[in-house]
Amino acid sequence: MSSQDCQSTLRMDVQDAGAPQGAALDIGVPAEWPAEARLILTSMQAGEGNNSDNRRGGARIAHHVHGALRLFSDPDGSAPWKLYTRDAGARSVGFITPHRLPLGYGGVVELPAADGSIVSAHCTLIRCRQTARGWYEGALSFHRPQWELGGEPEPADPD
């Protein structure tokens, strides 16, 4: 089944549930994302009721942006790895990607923050597993808290 067929099926399900004829499916992710990424993220969000497999600690908020990851092991001049984020917190970010990435490797990720600024953070890949054919879901752990990504407030300065 192609991604276009999957989208059509999702649209029909919404219409069958009482949505007006021709209503677009709003899954809360940017329209410019690939259809496969939108479908996978929607499926993952629908299954989040069971948090038994949630191993990342700390508060997180939904944060759907396109990110770029450069691993320290990547050859000079290579293109960054594309990430489509699911959620973010001060200590980690969850994502989906069409790339199988090597666990335990370090690098630098660039992500837009809620205010539009770009956060550039050193990180380590702590999870990357196949979630659908040709797509992987994973998590990056930041070496230092990235308060601007949200999830929890920055602690007050003791001075």
N, C-alpha and C. Protein backbone atom coordinates (compact mmCIF):
# COMPACT_ATOMS: atom_id res chain seq x y z
N MET A 1 0.85 -1.18 0.00
CA MET A 1 0.00 0.00 0.00
C MET A 1 0.89 1.23 0.00
N SER A 2 0.65 2.15 -0.91
CA SER A 2 1.47 3.36 -0.98
C SER A 2 1.05 4.34 0.11
N SER A 3 1.90 5.34 0.34
CA SER A 3 1.57 6.35 1.35
C SER A 3 0.32 7.12 0.95
N GLN A 4 0.11 7.32 -0.36
CA GLN A 4 -1.09 8.04 -0.82
C GLN A 4 -2.33 7.21 -0.50
N ASP A 5 -2.24 5.88 -0.68
CA ASP A 5 -3.36 5.00 -0.35
C ASP A 5 -3.65 5.06 1.14
N CYS A 6 -2.57 5.09 1.97
CA CYS A 6 -2.75 5.16 3.42
C CYS A 6 -3.45 6.45 3.82
N GLN A 7 -3.03 7.57 3.21
CA GLN A 7 -3.67 8.83 3.52
C GLN A 7 -5.13 8.80 3.13
N SER A 8 -5.44 8.22 1.96
CA SER A 8 -6.83 8.13 1.52
C SER A 8 -7.64 7.30 2.50
N THR A 9 -7.05 6.20 2.98
CA THR A 9 -7.73 5.35 3.95
C THR A 9 -8.00 6.13 5.23
N LEU A 10 -7.01 6.90 5.70
CA LEU A 10 -7.22 7.70 6.90
C LEU A 10 -8.31 8.73 6.69
N ARG A 11 -8.33 9.38 5.54
CA ARG A 11 -9.37 10.36 5.25
C ARG A 11 -10.74 9.70 5.25
N MET A 12 -10.84 8.49 4.68
CA MET A 12 -12.13 7.80 4.66
C MET A 12 -12.56 7.45 6.07
N ASP A 13 -11.63 7.03 6.93
CA ASP A 13 -11.97 6.72 8.31
C ASP A 13 -12.53 7.94 9.03
N VAL A 14 -11.93 9.10 8.79
CA VAL A 14 -12.43 10.32 9.40
C VAL A 14 -13.83 10.63 8.89
N GLN A 15 -14.04 10.47 7.58
CA GLN A 15 -15.34 10.75 7.01
C GLN A 15 -16.37 9.76 7.54
N ASP A 16 -15.99 8.48 7.67
CA ASP A 16 -16.91 7.48 8.19
C ASP A 16 -17.30 7.81 9.63
N ALA A 17 -16.41 8.50 10.35
CA ALA A 17 -16.69 8.84 11.74
C ALA A 17 -17.55 10.08 11.87
N GLY A 18 -18.03 10.62 10.77
CA GLY A 18 -18.93 11.75 10.85
C GLY A 18 -18.35 13.07 10.41
N ALA A 19 -17.12 13.07 9.91
CA ALA A 19 -16.52 14.31 9.43
C ALA A 19 -17.21 14.71 8.13
N PRO A 20 -17.27 16.00 7.83
CA PRO A 20 -17.87 16.44 6.57
C PRO A 20 -17.14 15.87 5.37
N GLN A 21 -17.89 15.63 4.29
CA GLN A 21 -17.29 15.10 3.06
C GLN A 21 -16.15 16.02 2.62
N GLY A 22 -15.00 15.42 2.30
CA GLY A 22 -13.86 16.20 1.82
C GLY A 22 -13.04 16.84 2.93
N ALA A 23 -13.35 16.56 4.20
CA ALA A 23 -12.59 17.16 5.30
C ALA A 23 -11.17 16.63 5.30
N ALA A 24 -10.21 17.50 5.52
CA ALA A 24 -8.79 17.10 5.57
C ALA A 24 -8.49 16.52 6.94
N LEU A 25 -7.56 15.62 6.96
CA LEU A 25 -7.13 15.00 8.21
C LEU A 25 -6.07 15.87 8.85
N ASP A 26 -6.32 16.33 10.07
CA ASP A 26 -5.35 17.16 10.79
C ASP A 26 -4.68 16.30 11.85
N ILE A 27 -3.43 15.98 11.64
CA ILE A 27 -2.70 15.15 12.61
C ILE A 27 -1.70 15.96 13.41
N GLY A 28 -1.71 17.28 13.26
CA GLY A 28 -0.87 18.12 14.08
C GLY A 28 0.59 18.16 13.70
N VAL A 29 0.94 17.75 12.50
CA VAL A 29 2.33 17.84 12.04
C VAL A 29 2.38 18.69 10.79
N PRO A 30 3.52 19.27 10.50
CA PRO A 30 3.63 20.15 9.33
C PRO A 30 3.26 19.44 8.02
N ALA A 31 2.51 20.14 7.19
CA ALA A 31 2.06 19.58 5.91
C ALA A 31 3.22 19.28 4.97
N GLU A 32 4.35 19.95 5.13
CA GLU A 32 5.48 19.72 4.22
C GLU A 32 6.27 18.46 4.56
N TRP A 33 5.96 17.81 5.66
CA TRP A 33 6.61 16.54 5.98
C TRP A 33 6.20 15.49 4.96
N PRO A 34 7.05 14.50 4.69
CA PRO A 34 6.65 13.42 3.80
C PRO A 34 5.41 12.70 4.34
N ALA A 35 4.57 12.23 3.44
CA ALA A 35 3.34 11.55 3.84
C ALA A 35 3.62 10.37 4.77
N GLU A 36 4.69 9.64 4.51
CA GLU A 36 5.04 8.50 5.35
C GLU A 36 5.33 8.95 6.78
N ALA A 37 6.06 10.05 6.93
CA ALA A 37 6.38 10.56 8.27
C ALA A 37 5.11 10.97 9.00
N ARG A 38 4.20 11.61 8.29
CA ARG A 38 2.93 12.03 8.91
C ARG A 38 2.13 10.81 9.37
N LEU A 39 2.08 9.78 8.53
CA LEU A 39 1.33 8.58 8.86
C LEU A 39 1.94 7.85 10.05
N ILE A 40 3.25 7.70 10.05
CA ILE A 40 3.94 7.01 11.14
C ILE A 40 3.76 7.75 12.45
N LEU A 41 3.91 9.06 12.43
CA LEU A 41 3.75 9.84 13.66
C LEU A 41 2.33 9.72 14.19
N THR A 42 1.34 9.77 13.32
CA THR A 42 -0.05 9.61 13.73
C THR A 42 -0.27 8.26 14.39
N SER A 43 0.26 7.22 13.78
CA SER A 43 0.12 5.88 14.35
C SER A 43 0.78 5.78 15.71
N MET A 44 1.95 6.38 15.85
CA MET A 44 2.65 6.33 17.13
C MET A 44 1.89 7.12 18.19
N GLN A 45 1.32 8.26 17.82
CA GLN A 45 0.55 9.05 18.77
C GLN A 45 -0.69 8.29 19.23
N ALA A 46 -1.31 7.55 18.31
CA ALA A 46 -2.51 6.79 18.65
C ALA A 46 -2.18 5.68 19.64
N GLY A 47 -0.98 5.14 19.58
CA GLY A 47 -0.58 4.05 20.46
C GLY A 47 0.07 4.48 21.75
N GLU A 48 0.14 5.78 22.02
CA GLU A 48 0.84 6.26 23.21
C GLU A 48 0.06 6.06 24.50
N GLY A 49 -1.14 5.51 24.44
CA GLY A 49 -1.90 5.26 25.65
C GLY A 49 -1.20 4.26 26.55
N ASN A 50 -0.41 3.35 25.96
CA ASN A 50 0.34 2.36 26.72
C ASN A 50 1.77 2.85 26.85
N ASN A 51 2.14 3.37 27.99
CA ASN A 51 3.48 3.92 28.20
C ASN A 51 4.45 2.93 28.81
N SER A 52 4.17 1.61 28.70
CA SER A 52 5.05 0.62 29.31
C SER A 52 6.43 0.61 28.66
N ASP A 53 6.53 1.11 27.43
CA ASP A 53 7.82 1.10 26.72
C ASP A 53 8.49 2.46 26.76
N ASN A 54 8.02 3.38 27.59
CA ASN A 54 8.57 4.72 27.68
C ASN A 54 9.78 4.70 28.61
N ARG A 55 10.97 4.77 28.03
CA ARG A 55 12.19 4.69 28.83
C ARG A 55 12.89 6.01 29.02
N ARG A 56 12.44 7.05 28.32
CA ARG A 56 13.07 8.36 28.49
C ARG A 56 12.42 9.06 29.68
N GLY A 57 13.22 9.45 30.63
CA GLY A 57 12.70 10.16 31.78
C GLY A 57 12.58 11.65 31.50
N GLY A 58 11.94 12.36 32.39
CA GLY A 58 11.81 13.80 32.26
C GLY A 58 10.58 14.22 31.50
N ALA A 59 10.19 15.45 31.72
CA ALA A 59 9.01 16.00 31.07
C ALA A 59 9.29 16.29 29.61
N ARG A 60 8.29 16.04 28.76
CA ARG A 60 8.41 16.32 27.33
C ARG A 60 7.11 16.94 26.84
N ILE A 61 7.25 17.70 25.75
CA ILE A 61 6.07 18.25 25.10
C ILE A 61 6.13 17.89 23.62
N ALA A 62 4.96 17.88 22.97
CA ALA A 62 4.93 17.63 21.53
C ALA A 62 5.72 18.74 20.85
N HIS A 63 6.59 18.36 19.96
CA HIS A 63 7.44 19.34 19.27
C HIS A 63 7.72 18.78 17.89
N HIS A 64 6.93 19.18 16.89
CA HIS A 64 7.01 18.63 15.54
C HIS A 64 7.76 19.58 14.63
N VAL A 65 9.06 19.34 14.50
CA VAL A 65 9.91 20.16 13.65
C VAL A 65 10.86 19.26 12.87
N HIS A 66 11.43 19.81 11.82
CA HIS A 66 12.44 19.11 11.03
C HIS A 66 13.79 19.46 11.62
N GLY A 67 14.58 18.44 11.95
CA GLY A 67 15.90 18.66 12.52
C GLY A 67 16.99 18.09 11.65
N ALA A 68 18.23 18.44 11.96
CA ALA A 68 19.39 17.95 11.23
C ALA A 68 20.42 17.46 12.24
N LEU A 69 20.89 16.24 12.04
CA LEU A 69 21.87 15.62 12.93
C LEU A 69 23.17 15.36 12.17
N ARG A 70 24.26 15.82 12.75
CA ARG A 70 25.59 15.52 12.22
C ARG A 70 26.31 14.71 13.29
N LEU A 71 26.69 13.48 12.92
CA LEU A 71 27.44 12.64 13.85
C LEU A 71 28.93 12.94 13.72
N PHE A 72 29.64 12.83 14.83
CA PHE A 72 31.07 13.11 14.81
C PHE A 72 31.80 12.12 13.90
N SER A 73 31.22 10.96 13.66
CA SER A 73 31.85 9.94 12.81
C SER A 73 31.55 10.13 11.32
N ASP A 74 30.67 11.06 10.97
CA ASP A 74 30.33 11.29 9.56
C ASP A 74 31.53 11.85 8.81
N PRO A 75 31.70 11.46 7.54
CA PRO A 75 32.79 12.03 6.73
C PRO A 75 32.60 13.54 6.55
N ASP A 76 33.69 14.26 6.44
CA ASP A 76 33.63 15.70 6.20
C ASP A 76 32.84 15.98 4.92
N GLY A 77 31.98 16.98 4.97
CA GLY A 77 31.21 17.39 3.80
C GLY A 77 29.97 16.57 3.54
N SER A 78 29.69 15.56 4.37
CA SER A 78 28.48 14.76 4.14
C SER A 78 27.25 15.53 4.61
N ALA A 79 26.12 15.21 4.01
CA ALA A 79 24.85 15.87 4.36
C ALA A 79 24.42 15.41 5.75
N PRO A 80 23.73 16.29 6.49
CA PRO A 80 23.24 15.88 7.81
C PRO A 80 22.10 14.86 7.66
N TRP A 81 21.88 14.09 8.71
CA TRP A 81 20.79 13.12 8.77
C TRP A 81 19.49 13.88 9.04
N LYS A 82 18.43 13.56 8.32
CA LYS A 82 17.13 14.21 8.51
C LYS A 82 16.38 13.58 9.67
N LEU A 83 15.87 14.42 10.56
CA LEU A 83 15.05 13.98 11.68
C LEU A 83 13.72 14.71 11.64
N TYR A 84 12.65 14.02 12.01
CA TYR A 84 11.33 14.62 12.17
C TYR A 84 10.95 14.38 13.62
N THR A 85 10.94 15.44 14.43
CA THR A 85 10.80 15.25 15.87
C THR A 85 9.36 14.96 16.28
N ARG A 86 9.24 14.13 17.31
CA ARG A 86 7.95 13.77 17.90
C ARG A 86 7.68 14.64 19.13
N ASP A 87 8.68 14.69 20.00
CA ASP A 87 8.55 15.42 21.25
C ASP A 87 9.94 15.85 21.69
N ALA A 88 9.95 16.81 22.60
CA ALA A 88 11.23 17.31 23.09
C ALA A 88 11.09 17.73 24.54
N GLY A 89 12.19 17.68 25.21
CA GLY A 89 12.29 18.16 26.58
C GLY A 89 13.67 18.77 26.74
N ALA A 90 13.97 19.21 27.92
CA ALA A 90 15.25 19.84 28.16
C ALA A 90 16.41 18.84 28.06
N ARG A 91 16.11 17.56 28.23
CA ARG A 91 17.18 16.56 28.28
C ARG A 91 17.22 15.61 27.09
N SER A 92 16.17 15.57 26.28
CA SER A 92 16.15 14.62 25.16
C SER A 92 15.12 15.03 24.12
N VAL A 93 15.22 14.38 22.96
CA VAL A 93 14.25 14.60 21.88
C VAL A 93 13.95 13.24 21.24
N GLY A 94 12.68 13.00 20.96
CA GLY A 94 12.26 11.81 20.24
C GLY A 94 12.02 12.17 18.79
N PHE A 95 12.30 11.23 17.89
CA PHE A 95 12.20 11.55 16.46
C PHE A 95 11.87 10.31 15.66
N ILE A 96 11.51 10.54 14.39
CA ILE A 96 11.45 9.50 13.39
C ILE A 96 12.35 9.94 12.25
N THR A 97 12.87 8.96 11.51
CA THR A 97 13.82 9.26 10.44
C THR A 97 13.82 8.13 9.42
N PRO A 98 14.13 8.43 8.18
CA PRO A 98 14.28 7.35 7.20
C PRO A 98 15.67 6.70 7.23
N HIS A 99 16.48 7.04 8.22
CA HIS A 99 17.85 6.56 8.30
C HIS A 99 18.04 5.63 9.50
N ARG A 100 18.77 4.55 9.30
CA ARG A 100 19.17 3.71 10.42
C ARG A 100 20.44 4.32 10.98
N LEU A 101 20.37 4.80 12.21
CA LEU A 101 21.49 5.50 12.83
C LEU A 101 22.17 4.62 13.86
N PRO A 102 23.48 4.79 14.07
CA PRO A 102 24.24 3.92 14.97
C PRO A 102 24.10 4.31 16.45
N LEU A 103 23.65 3.37 17.25
CA LEU A 103 23.46 3.61 18.68
C LEU A 103 24.77 3.99 19.36
N GLY A 104 24.65 4.90 20.32
CA GLY A 104 25.79 5.29 21.13
C GLY A 104 26.69 6.34 20.51
N TYR A 105 26.43 6.70 19.26
CA TYR A 105 27.28 7.69 18.60
C TYR A 105 26.88 9.10 19.04
N GLY A 106 27.86 9.98 19.10
CA GLY A 106 27.64 11.36 19.47
C GLY A 106 27.64 12.27 18.26
N GLY A 107 27.07 13.44 18.46
CA GLY A 107 27.03 14.41 17.38
C GLY A 107 26.43 15.72 17.83
N VAL A 108 26.00 16.50 16.86
CA VAL A 108 25.36 17.78 17.12
C VAL A 108 24.04 17.79 16.35
N VAL A 109 22.96 18.13 17.05
CA VAL A 109 21.65 18.23 16.41
C VAL A 109 21.24 19.69 16.38
N GLU A 110 20.61 20.09 15.29
CA GLU A 110 20.06 21.44 15.16
C GLU A 110 18.55 21.33 15.00
N LEU A 111 17.83 22.03 15.89
CA LEU A 111 16.38 22.00 15.91
C LEU A 111 15.82 23.40 16.11
N PRO A 112 14.73 23.74 15.44
CA PRO A 112 14.06 25.00 15.76
C PRO A 112 13.37 24.90 17.12
N ALA A 113 13.49 25.93 17.92
CA ALA A 113 12.78 26.02 19.19
C ALA A 113 11.41 26.66 18.93
N ALA A 114 10.57 26.67 19.95
CA ALA A 114 9.22 27.23 19.81
C ALA A 114 9.25 28.70 19.41
N ASP A 115 10.27 29.43 19.84
CA ASP A 115 10.35 30.87 19.51
C ASP A 115 10.96 31.13 18.13
N GLY A 116 11.32 30.05 17.40
CA GLY A 116 11.89 30.22 16.06
C GLY A 116 13.40 30.21 16.02
N SER A 117 14.04 30.33 17.17
CA SER A 117 15.50 30.28 17.19
C SER A 117 15.97 28.85 16.93
N ILE A 118 17.21 28.70 16.52
CA ILE A 118 17.77 27.37 16.26
C ILE A 118 18.60 26.93 17.46
N VAL A 119 18.28 25.77 17.98
CA VAL A 119 19.03 25.18 19.09
C VAL A 119 20.04 24.21 18.47
N SER A 120 21.30 24.39 18.81
CA SER A 120 22.36 23.50 18.37
C SER A 120 22.92 22.84 19.63
N ALA A 121 22.76 21.51 19.73
CA ALA A 121 23.12 20.84 20.97
C ALA A 121 23.92 19.58 20.72
N HIS A 122 24.94 19.36 21.55
CA HIS A 122 25.68 18.11 21.52
C HIS A 122 24.78 17.03 22.11
N CYS A 123 24.82 15.85 21.49
CA CYS A 123 23.90 14.80 21.90
C CYS A 123 24.51 13.42 21.65
N THR A 124 23.83 12.40 22.19
CA THR A 124 24.19 11.01 21.96
C THR A 124 22.94 10.26 21.53
N LEU A 125 23.07 9.40 20.53
CA LEU A 125 21.95 8.60 20.05
C LEU A 125 21.73 7.45 21.02
N ILE A 126 20.58 7.47 21.72
CA ILE A 126 20.32 6.44 22.73
C ILE A 126 19.33 5.38 22.25
N ARG A 127 18.63 5.64 21.15
CA ARG A 127 17.72 4.64 20.60
C ARG A 127 17.50 4.89 19.12
N CYS A 128 17.45 3.82 18.33
CA CYS A 128 17.07 3.91 16.93
C CYS A 128 16.64 2.51 16.51
N ARG A 129 15.34 2.34 16.34
CA ARG A 129 14.81 1.03 15.97
C ARG A 129 13.77 1.18 14.88
N GLN A 130 13.65 0.16 14.06
CA GLN A 130 12.72 0.23 12.95
C GLN A 130 11.29 0.26 13.47
N THR A 131 10.51 1.18 12.93
CA THR A 131 9.12 1.31 13.33
C THR A 131 8.17 0.98 12.18
N ALA A 132 8.63 1.14 10.96
CA ALA A 132 7.89 0.80 9.75
C ALA A 132 8.93 0.55 8.67
N ARG A 133 8.53 -0.09 7.59
CA ARG A 133 9.51 -0.38 6.54
C ARG A 133 10.16 0.92 6.05
N GLY A 134 11.48 0.99 6.21
CA GLY A 134 12.23 2.15 5.75
C GLY A 134 12.19 3.34 6.70
N TRP A 135 11.60 3.19 7.90
CA TRP A 135 11.52 4.28 8.87
C TRP A 135 11.91 3.78 10.25
N TYR A 136 12.56 4.66 10.99
CA TYR A 136 13.07 4.33 12.32
C TYR A 136 12.61 5.37 13.31
N GLU A 137 12.41 4.94 14.55
CA GLU A 137 12.09 5.89 15.62
C GLU A 137 13.22 5.82 16.61
N GLY A 138 13.55 6.98 17.17
CA GLY A 138 14.68 7.01 18.06
C GLY A 138 14.63 8.16 19.04
N ALA A 139 15.70 8.27 19.80
CA ALA A 139 15.82 9.33 20.80
C ALA A 139 17.28 9.77 20.90
N LEU A 140 17.44 11.04 21.11
CA LEU A 140 18.74 11.65 21.36
C LEU A 140 18.75 12.20 22.78
N SER A 141 19.83 11.98 23.49
CA SER A 141 20.01 12.55 24.82
C SER A 141 20.98 13.72 24.72
N PHE A 142 20.59 14.87 25.24
CA PHE A 142 21.44 16.05 25.20
C PHE A 142 22.51 15.96 26.29
N HIS A 143 23.71 16.46 25.98
CA HIS A 143 24.78 16.46 26.97
C HIS A 143 24.54 17.50 28.05
N ARG A 144 23.86 18.58 27.70
CA ARG A 144 23.49 19.63 28.65
C ARG A 144 22.02 19.95 28.43
N PRO A 145 21.28 20.33 29.48
CA PRO A 145 19.86 20.64 29.30
C PRO A 145 19.65 21.76 28.28
N GLN A 146 18.63 21.60 27.46
CA GLN A 146 18.25 22.58 26.45
C GLN A 146 16.90 23.15 26.86
N TRP A 147 16.92 24.10 27.79
CA TRP A 147 15.69 24.61 28.41
C TRP A 147 14.74 25.23 27.39
N GLU A 148 15.28 25.78 26.30
CA GLU A 148 14.43 26.44 25.31
C GLU A 148 13.54 25.47 24.54
N LEU A 149 13.81 24.17 24.64
CA LEU A 149 12.96 23.20 23.96
C LEU A 149 11.74 22.82 24.80
N GLY A 150 11.72 23.23 26.05
CA GLY A 150 10.53 23.04 26.87
C GLY A 150 10.50 21.73 27.61
N GLY A 151 9.30 21.42 28.12
CA GLY A 151 9.11 20.21 28.89
C GLY A 151 9.21 20.46 30.37
N GLU A 152 10.13 21.29 30.78
CA GLU A 152 10.28 21.65 32.18
C GLU A 152 10.92 23.04 32.26
N PRO A 153 10.63 23.79 33.32
CA PRO A 153 11.18 25.15 33.42
C PRO A 153 12.66 25.13 33.79
N GLU A 154 13.36 26.16 33.32
CA GLU A 154 14.76 26.32 33.69
C GLU A 154 14.82 26.65 35.18
N PRO A 155 15.73 25.99 35.92
CA PRO A 155 15.81 26.29 37.36
C PRO A 155 16.25 27.73 37.60
N ALA A 156 15.76 28.29 38.67
CA ALA A 156 16.12 29.66 39.02
C ALA A 156 17.58 29.72 39.45
N ASP A 157 18.24 30.82 39.11
CA ASP A 157 19.62 31.05 39.48
C ASP A 157 19.68 31.27 41.00
N PRO A 158 20.51 30.52 41.73
CA PRO A 158 20.54 30.64 43.19
C PRO A 158 21.10 31.97 43.69
N ASP A 159 21.73 32.76 42.82
CA ASP A 159 22.30 34.05 43.28
C ASP A 159 21.26 35.10 43.46
